[in-house]
Amino acid sequence: MFKTNDAALDAFIAAKIEIDVLLAMLAHSADHFGSDPDEANWGHVGTLKHYLEKLREITDMAS
């Protein structure tokens, strides 16, 4: 059985809503992702570099 366009639209909207929720979570960067900037260490740098790598991968695919 084939899904109708209505079902595809519902799935598209659900995925977009989930993406919007995840993007809103990135606003957490305003507080340095819960880290104290005065206590930053190379582990924090590595974590942020990992986030950056994944974000670049996503933006490259989306553009």
PDB file of N, CA and C in Angstrom:
ATOM      1  N   MET A   1       0.848  -1.187   0.000  1.00  0.00           N
ATOM      2  CA  MET A   1       0.000   0.000   0.000  1.00  0.00           C
ATOM      3  C   MET A   1       0.889   1.245   0.000  1.00  0.00           C
ATOM      4  N   PHE A   2       0.552   2.206  -0.828  1.00  0.00           N
ATOM      5  CA  PHE A   2       1.310   3.449  -0.924  1.00  0.00           C
ATOM      6  C   PHE A   2       0.773   4.475   0.059  1.00  0.00           C
ATOM      7  N   LYS A   3       1.684   5.235   0.641  1.00  0.00           N
ATOM      8  CA  LYS A   3       1.265   6.338   1.514  1.00  0.00           C
ATOM      9  C   LYS A   3       0.752   7.469   0.645  1.00  0.00           C
ATOM     10  N   THR A   4      -0.234   8.151   1.129  1.00  0.00           N
ATOM     11  CA  THR A   4      -0.764   9.291   0.385  1.00  0.00           C
ATOM     12  C   THR A   4       0.121  10.503   0.604  1.00  0.00           C
ATOM     13  N   ASN A   5      -0.110  11.532  -0.201  1.00  0.00           N
ATOM     14  CA  ASN A   5       0.623  12.787   0.005  1.00  0.00           C
ATOM     15  C   ASN A   5       0.333  13.369   1.374  1.00  0.00           C
ATOM     16  N   ASP A   6      -0.887  13.158   1.875  1.00  0.00           N
ATOM     17  CA  ASP A   6      -1.222  13.656   3.216  1.00  0.00           C
ATOM     18  C   ASP A   6      -0.341  12.995   4.272  1.00  0.00           C
ATOM     19  N   ALA A   7      -0.094  11.709   4.133  1.00  0.00           N
ATOM     20  CA  ALA A   7       0.757  11.002   5.089  1.00  0.00           C
ATOM     21  C   ALA A   7       2.193  11.504   4.989  1.00  0.00           C
ATOM     22  N   ALA A   8       2.655  11.754   3.768  1.00  0.00           N
ATOM     23  CA  ALA A   8       4.006  12.290   3.574  1.00  0.00           C
ATOM     24  C   ALA A   8       4.116  13.682   4.190  1.00  0.00           C
ATOM     25  N   LEU A   9       3.094  14.488   3.996  1.00  0.00           N
ATOM     26  CA  LEU A   9       3.102  15.839   4.579  1.00  0.00           C
ATOM     27  C   LEU A   9       3.126  15.761   6.098  1.00  0.00           C
ATOM     28  N   ASP A  10       2.318  14.866   6.678  1.00  0.00           N
ATOM     29  CA  ASP A  10       2.322  14.699   8.133  1.00  0.00           C
ATOM     30  C   ASP A  10       3.701  14.288   8.640  1.00  0.00           C
ATOM     31  N   ALA A  11       4.349  13.358   7.941  1.00  0.00           N
ATOM     32  CA  ALA A  11       5.689  12.907   8.341  1.00  0.00           C
ATOM     33  C   ALA A  11       6.706  14.026   8.195  1.00  0.00           C
ATOM     34  N   PHE A  12       6.579  14.814   7.122  1.00  0.00           N
ATOM     35  CA  PHE A  12       7.482  15.948   6.894  1.00  0.00           C
ATOM     36  C   PHE A  12       7.346  16.960   8.025  1.00  0.00           C
ATOM     37  N   ILE A  13       6.113  17.298   8.378  1.00  0.00           N
ATOM     38  CA  ILE A  13       5.870  18.280   9.439  1.00  0.00           C
ATOM     39  C   ILE A  13       6.382  17.755  10.782  1.00  0.00           C
ATOM     40  N   ALA A  14       6.178  16.480  11.050  1.00  0.00           N
ATOM     41  CA  ALA A  14       6.671  15.902  12.302  1.00  0.00           C
ATOM     42  C   ALA A  14       8.193  15.983  12.379  1.00  0.00           C
ATOM     43  N   ALA A  15       8.866  15.673  11.270  1.00  0.00           N
ATOM     44  CA  ALA A  15      10.332  15.753  11.240  1.00  0.00           C
ATOM     45  C   ALA A  15      10.798  17.189  11.416  1.00  0.00           C
ATOM     46  N   LYS A  16      10.112  18.133  10.777  1.00  0.00           N
ATOM     47  CA  LYS A  16      10.481  19.543  10.903  1.00  0.00           C
ATOM     48  C   LYS A  16      10.307  20.033  12.330  1.00  0.00           C
ATOM     49  N   ILE A  17       9.238  19.617  12.978  1.00  0.00           N
ATOM     50  CA  ILE A  17       9.020  20.010  14.370  1.00  0.00           C
ATOM     51  C   ILE A  17      10.150  19.479  15.250  1.00  0.00           C
ATOM     52  N   GLU A  18      10.552  18.241  15.022  1.00  0.00           N
ATOM     53  CA  GLU A  18      11.644  17.673  15.806  1.00  0.00           C
ATOM     54  C   GLU A  18      12.952  18.424  15.556  1.00  0.00           C
ATOM     55  N   ILE A  19      13.203  18.795  14.305  1.00  0.00           N
ATOM     56  CA  ILE A  19      14.392  19.595  13.976  1.00  0.00           C
ATOM     57  C   ILE A  19      14.333  20.939  14.691  1.00  0.00           C
ATOM     58  N   ASP A  20      13.166  21.581  14.696  1.00  0.00           N
ATOM     59  CA  ASP A  20      13.024  22.870  15.374  1.00  0.00           C
ATOM     60  C   ASP A  20      13.316  22.755  16.869  1.00  0.00           C
ATOM     61  N   VAL A  21      12.871  21.663  17.482  1.00  0.00           N
ATOM     62  CA  VAL A  21      13.136  21.437  18.905  1.00  0.00           C
ATOM     63  C   VAL A  21      14.641  21.291  19.136  1.00  0.00           C
ATOM     64  N   LEU A  22      15.295  20.516  18.275  1.00  0.00           N
ATOM     65  CA  LEU A  22      16.744  20.322  18.421  1.00  0.00           C
ATOM     66  C   LEU A  22      17.504  21.623  18.201  1.00  0.00           C
ATOM     67  N   LEU A  23      17.073  22.413  17.227  1.00  0.00           N
ATOM     68  CA  LEU A  23      17.728  23.703  16.993  1.00  0.00           C
ATOM     69  C   LEU A  23      17.549  24.637  18.184  1.00  0.00           C
ATOM     70  N   ALA A  24      16.384  24.587  18.795  1.00  0.00           N
ATOM     71  CA  ALA A  24      16.148  25.424  19.983  1.00  0.00           C
ATOM     72  C   ALA A  24      17.087  25.018  21.115  1.00  0.00           C
ATOM     73  N   MET A  25      17.421  23.737  21.180  1.00  0.00           N
ATOM     74  CA  MET A  25      18.352  23.283  22.211  1.00  0.00           C
ATOM     75  C   MET A  25      19.732  23.887  22.012  1.00  0.00           C
ATOM     76  N   LEU A  26      20.068  24.248  20.775  1.00  0.00           N
ATOM     77  CA  LEU A  26      21.370  24.863  20.511  1.00  0.00           C
ATOM     78  C   LEU A  26      21.463  26.258  21.119  1.00  0.00           C
ATOM     79  N   ALA A  27      20.333  26.844  21.461  1.00  0.00           N
ATOM     80  CA  ALA A  27      20.358  28.141  22.145  1.00  0.00           C
ATOM     81  C   ALA A  27      21.073  28.010  23.488  1.00  0.00           C
ATOM     82  N   HIS A  28      21.252  26.774  23.935  1.00  0.00           N
ATOM     83  CA  HIS A  28      21.982  26.493  25.167  1.00  0.00           C
ATOM     84  C   HIS A  28      23.441  26.946  25.058  1.00  0.00           C
ATOM     85  N   SER A  29      23.887  27.237  23.837  1.00  0.00           N
ATOM     86  CA  SER A  29      25.268  27.694  23.666  1.00  0.00           C
ATOM     87  C   SER A  29      25.482  29.056  24.323  1.00  0.00           C
ATOM     88  N   ALA A  30      24.407  29.808  24.517  1.00  0.00           N
ATOM     89  CA  ALA A  30      24.538  31.124  25.160  1.00  0.00           C
ATOM     90  C   ALA A  30      25.117  30.998  26.569  1.00  0.00           C
ATOM     91  N   ASP A  31      24.890  29.857  27.220  1.00  0.00           N
ATOM     92  CA  ASP A  31      25.481  29.664  28.548  1.00  0.00           C
ATOM     93  C   ASP A  31      26.654  28.686  28.478  1.00  0.00           C
ATOM     94  N   HIS A  32      27.318  28.694  27.323  1.00  0.00           N
ATOM     95  CA  HIS A  32      28.525  27.885  27.115  1.00  0.00           C
ATOM     96  C   HIS A  32      28.244  26.387  27.291  1.00  0.00           C
ATOM     97  N   PHE A  33      27.042  25.963  26.873  1.00  0.00           N
ATOM     98  CA  PHE A  33      26.631  24.560  26.978  1.00  0.00           C
ATOM     99  C   PHE A  33      26.767  24.033  28.401  1.00  0.00           C
ATOM    100  N   GLY A  34      26.476  24.899  29.361  1.00  0.00           N
ATOM    101  CA  GLY A  34      26.501  24.494  30.765  1.00  0.00           C
ATOM    102  C   GLY A  34      27.884  24.437  31.386  1.00  0.00           C
ATOM    103  N   SER A  35      28.900  24.875  30.662  1.00  0.00           N
ATOM    104  CA  SER A  35      30.267  24.858  31.186  1.00  0.00           C
ATOM    105  C   SER A  35      30.661  26.238  31.701  1.00  0.00           C
ATOM    106  N   ASP A  36      31.516  26.257  32.678  1.00  0.00           N
ATOM    107  CA  ASP A  36      32.058  27.508  33.197  1.00  0.00           C
ATOM    108  C   ASP A  36      33.252  27.889  32.330  1.00  0.00           C
ATOM    109  N   PRO A  37      33.160  29.021  31.587  1.00  0.00           N
ATOM    110  CA  PRO A  37      34.261  29.398  30.705  1.00  0.00           C
ATOM    111  C   PRO A  37      35.592  29.577  31.433  1.00  0.00           C
ATOM    112  N   ASP A  38      35.528  29.923  32.720  1.00  0.00           N
ATOM    113  CA  ASP A  38      36.762  30.095  33.488  1.00  0.00           C
ATOM    114  C   ASP A  38      37.429  28.760  33.808  1.00  0.00           C
ATOM    115  N   GLU A  39      36.698  27.664  33.612  1.00  0.00           N
ATOM    116  CA  GLU A  39      37.254  26.350  33.902  1.00  0.00           C
ATOM    117  C   GLU A  39      37.370  25.494  32.640  1.00  0.00           C
ATOM    118  N   ALA A  40      37.390  26.152  31.484  1.00  0.00           N
ATOM    119  CA  ALA A  40      37.488  25.425  30.211  1.00  0.00           C
ATOM    120  C   ALA A  40      38.791  24.653  30.150  1.00  0.00           C
ATOM    121  N   ASN A  41      38.695  23.427  29.623  1.00  0.00           N
ATOM    122  CA  ASN A  41      39.884  22.611  29.437  1.00  0.00           C
ATOM    123  C   ASN A  41      39.836  21.999  28.043  1.00  0.00           C
ATOM    124  N   TRP A  42      40.864  21.217  27.714  1.00  0.00           N
ATOM    125  CA  TRP A  42      40.935  20.642  26.372  1.00  0.00           C
ATOM    126  C   TRP A  42      39.804  19.652  26.115  1.00  0.00           C
ATOM    127  N   GLY A  43      39.254  19.059  27.159  1.00  0.00           N
ATOM    128  CA  GLY A  43      38.086  18.196  26.982  1.00  0.00           C
ATOM    129  C   GLY A  43      36.897  18.983  26.463  1.00  0.00           C
ATOM    130  N   HIS A  44      36.701  20.191  27.008  1.00  0.00           N
ATOM    131  CA  HIS A  44      35.621  21.060  26.541  1.00  0.00           C
ATOM    132  C   HIS A  44      35.848  21.462  25.080  1.00  0.00           C
ATOM    133  N   VAL A  45      37.097  21.756  24.766  1.00  0.00           N
ATOM    134  CA  VAL A  45      37.442  22.119  23.388  1.00  0.00           C
ATOM    135  C   VAL A  45      37.101  20.955  22.451  1.00  0.00           C
ATOM    136  N   GLY A  46      37.482  19.761  22.835  1.00  0.00           N
ATOM    137  CA  GLY A  46      37.208  18.592  22.015  1.00  0.00           C
ATOM    138  C   GLY A  46      35.717  18.373  21.806  1.00  0.00           C
ATOM    139  N   THR A  47      34.944  18.566  22.864  1.00  0.00           N
ATOM    140  CA  THR A  47      33.494  18.421  22.757  1.00  0.00           C
ATOM    141  C   THR A  47      32.917  19.435  21.788  1.00  0.00           C
ATOM    142  N   LEU A  48      33.333  20.693  21.921  1.00  0.00           N
ATOM    143  CA  LEU A  48      32.813  21.728  21.021  1.00  0.00           C
ATOM    144  C   LEU A  48      33.259  21.500  19.585  1.00  0.00           C
ATOM    145  N   LYS A  49      34.483  21.029  19.391  1.00  0.00           N
ATOM    146  CA  LYS A  49      34.954  20.719  18.031  1.00  0.00           C
ATOM    147  C   LYS A  49      34.111  19.592  17.429  1.00  0.00           C
ATOM    148  N   HIS A  50      33.733  18.626  18.237  1.00  0.00           N
ATOM    149  CA  HIS A  50      32.875  17.540  17.769  1.00  0.00           C
ATOM    150  C   HIS A  50      31.504  18.089  17.362  1.00  0.00           C
ATOM    151  N   TYR A  51      30.920  18.948  18.208  1.00  0.00           N
ATOM    152  CA  TYR A  51      29.650  19.595  17.857  1.00  0.00           C
ATOM    153  C   TYR A  51      29.783  20.348  16.542  1.00  0.00           C
ATOM    154  N   LEU A  52      30.866  21.108  16.411  1.00  0.00           N
ATOM    155  CA  LEU A  52      31.107  21.908  15.213  1.00  0.00           C
ATOM    156  C   LEU A  52      31.192  21.028  13.974  1.00  0.00           C
ATOM    157  N   GLU A  53      31.909  19.928  14.089  1.00  0.00           N
ATOM    158  CA  GLU A  53      32.053  19.001  12.956  1.00  0.00           C
ATOM    159  C   GLU A  53      30.682  18.475  12.512  1.00  0.00           C
ATOM    160  N   LYS A  54      29.859  18.086  13.462  1.00  0.00           N
ATOM    161  CA  LYS A  54      28.537  17.556  13.133  1.00  0.00           C
ATOM    162  C   LYS A  54      27.636  18.643  12.555  1.00  0.00           C
ATOM    163  N   LEU A  55      27.697  19.843  13.108  1.00  0.00           N
ATOM    164  CA  LEU A  55      26.900  20.947  12.568  1.00  0.00           C
ATOM    165  C   LEU A  55      27.313  21.301  11.140  1.00  0.00           C
ATOM    166  N   ARG A  56      28.608  21.283  10.875  1.00  0.00           N
ATOM    167  CA  ARG A  56      29.069  21.542   9.510  1.00  0.00           C
ATOM    168  C   ARG A  56      28.563  20.473   8.554  1.00  0.00           C
ATOM    169  N   GLU A  57      28.595  19.225   9.002  1.00  0.00           N
ATOM    170  CA  GLU A  57      28.100  18.123   8.180  1.00  0.00           C
ATOM    171  C   GLU A  57      26.618  18.342   7.835  1.00  0.00           C
ATOM    172  N   ILE A  58      25.850  18.730   8.822  1.00  0.00           N
ATOM    173  CA  ILE A  58      24.414  18.959   8.614  1.00  0.00           C
ATOM    174  C   ILE A  58      24.183  20.159   7.688  1.00  0.00           C
ATOM    175  N   THR A  59      24.885  21.264   7.938  1.00  0.00           N
ATOM    176  CA  THR A  59      24.662  22.448   7.099  1.00  0.00           C
ATOM    177  C   THR A  59      25.126  22.200   5.677  1.00  0.00           C
ATOM    178  N   ASP A  60      26.183  21.427   5.500  1.00  0.00           N
ATOM    179  CA  ASP A  60      26.624  21.076   4.147  1.00  0.00           C
ATOM    180  C   ASP A  60      25.562  20.276   3.415  1.00  0.00           C
ATOM    181  N   MET A  61      24.928  19.342   4.106  1.00  0.00           N
ATOM    182  CA  MET A  61      23.879  18.540   3.480  1.00  0.00           C
ATOM    183  C   MET A  61      22.631  19.371   3.180  1.00  0.00           C
ATOM    184  N   ALA A  62      22.331  20.316   4.067  1.00  0.00           N
ATOM    185  CA  ALA A  62      21.093  21.078   3.937  1.00  0.00           C
ATOM    186  C   ALA A  62      21.187  22.225   2.935  1.00  0.00           C
ATOM    187  N   SER A  63      22.411  22.591   2.565  1.00  0.00           N
ATOM    188  CA  SER A  63      22.519  23.738   1.662  1.00  0.00           C
ATOM    189  C   SER A  63      22.714  23.324   0.221  1.00  0.00           C
TER     190      SER A  63
END
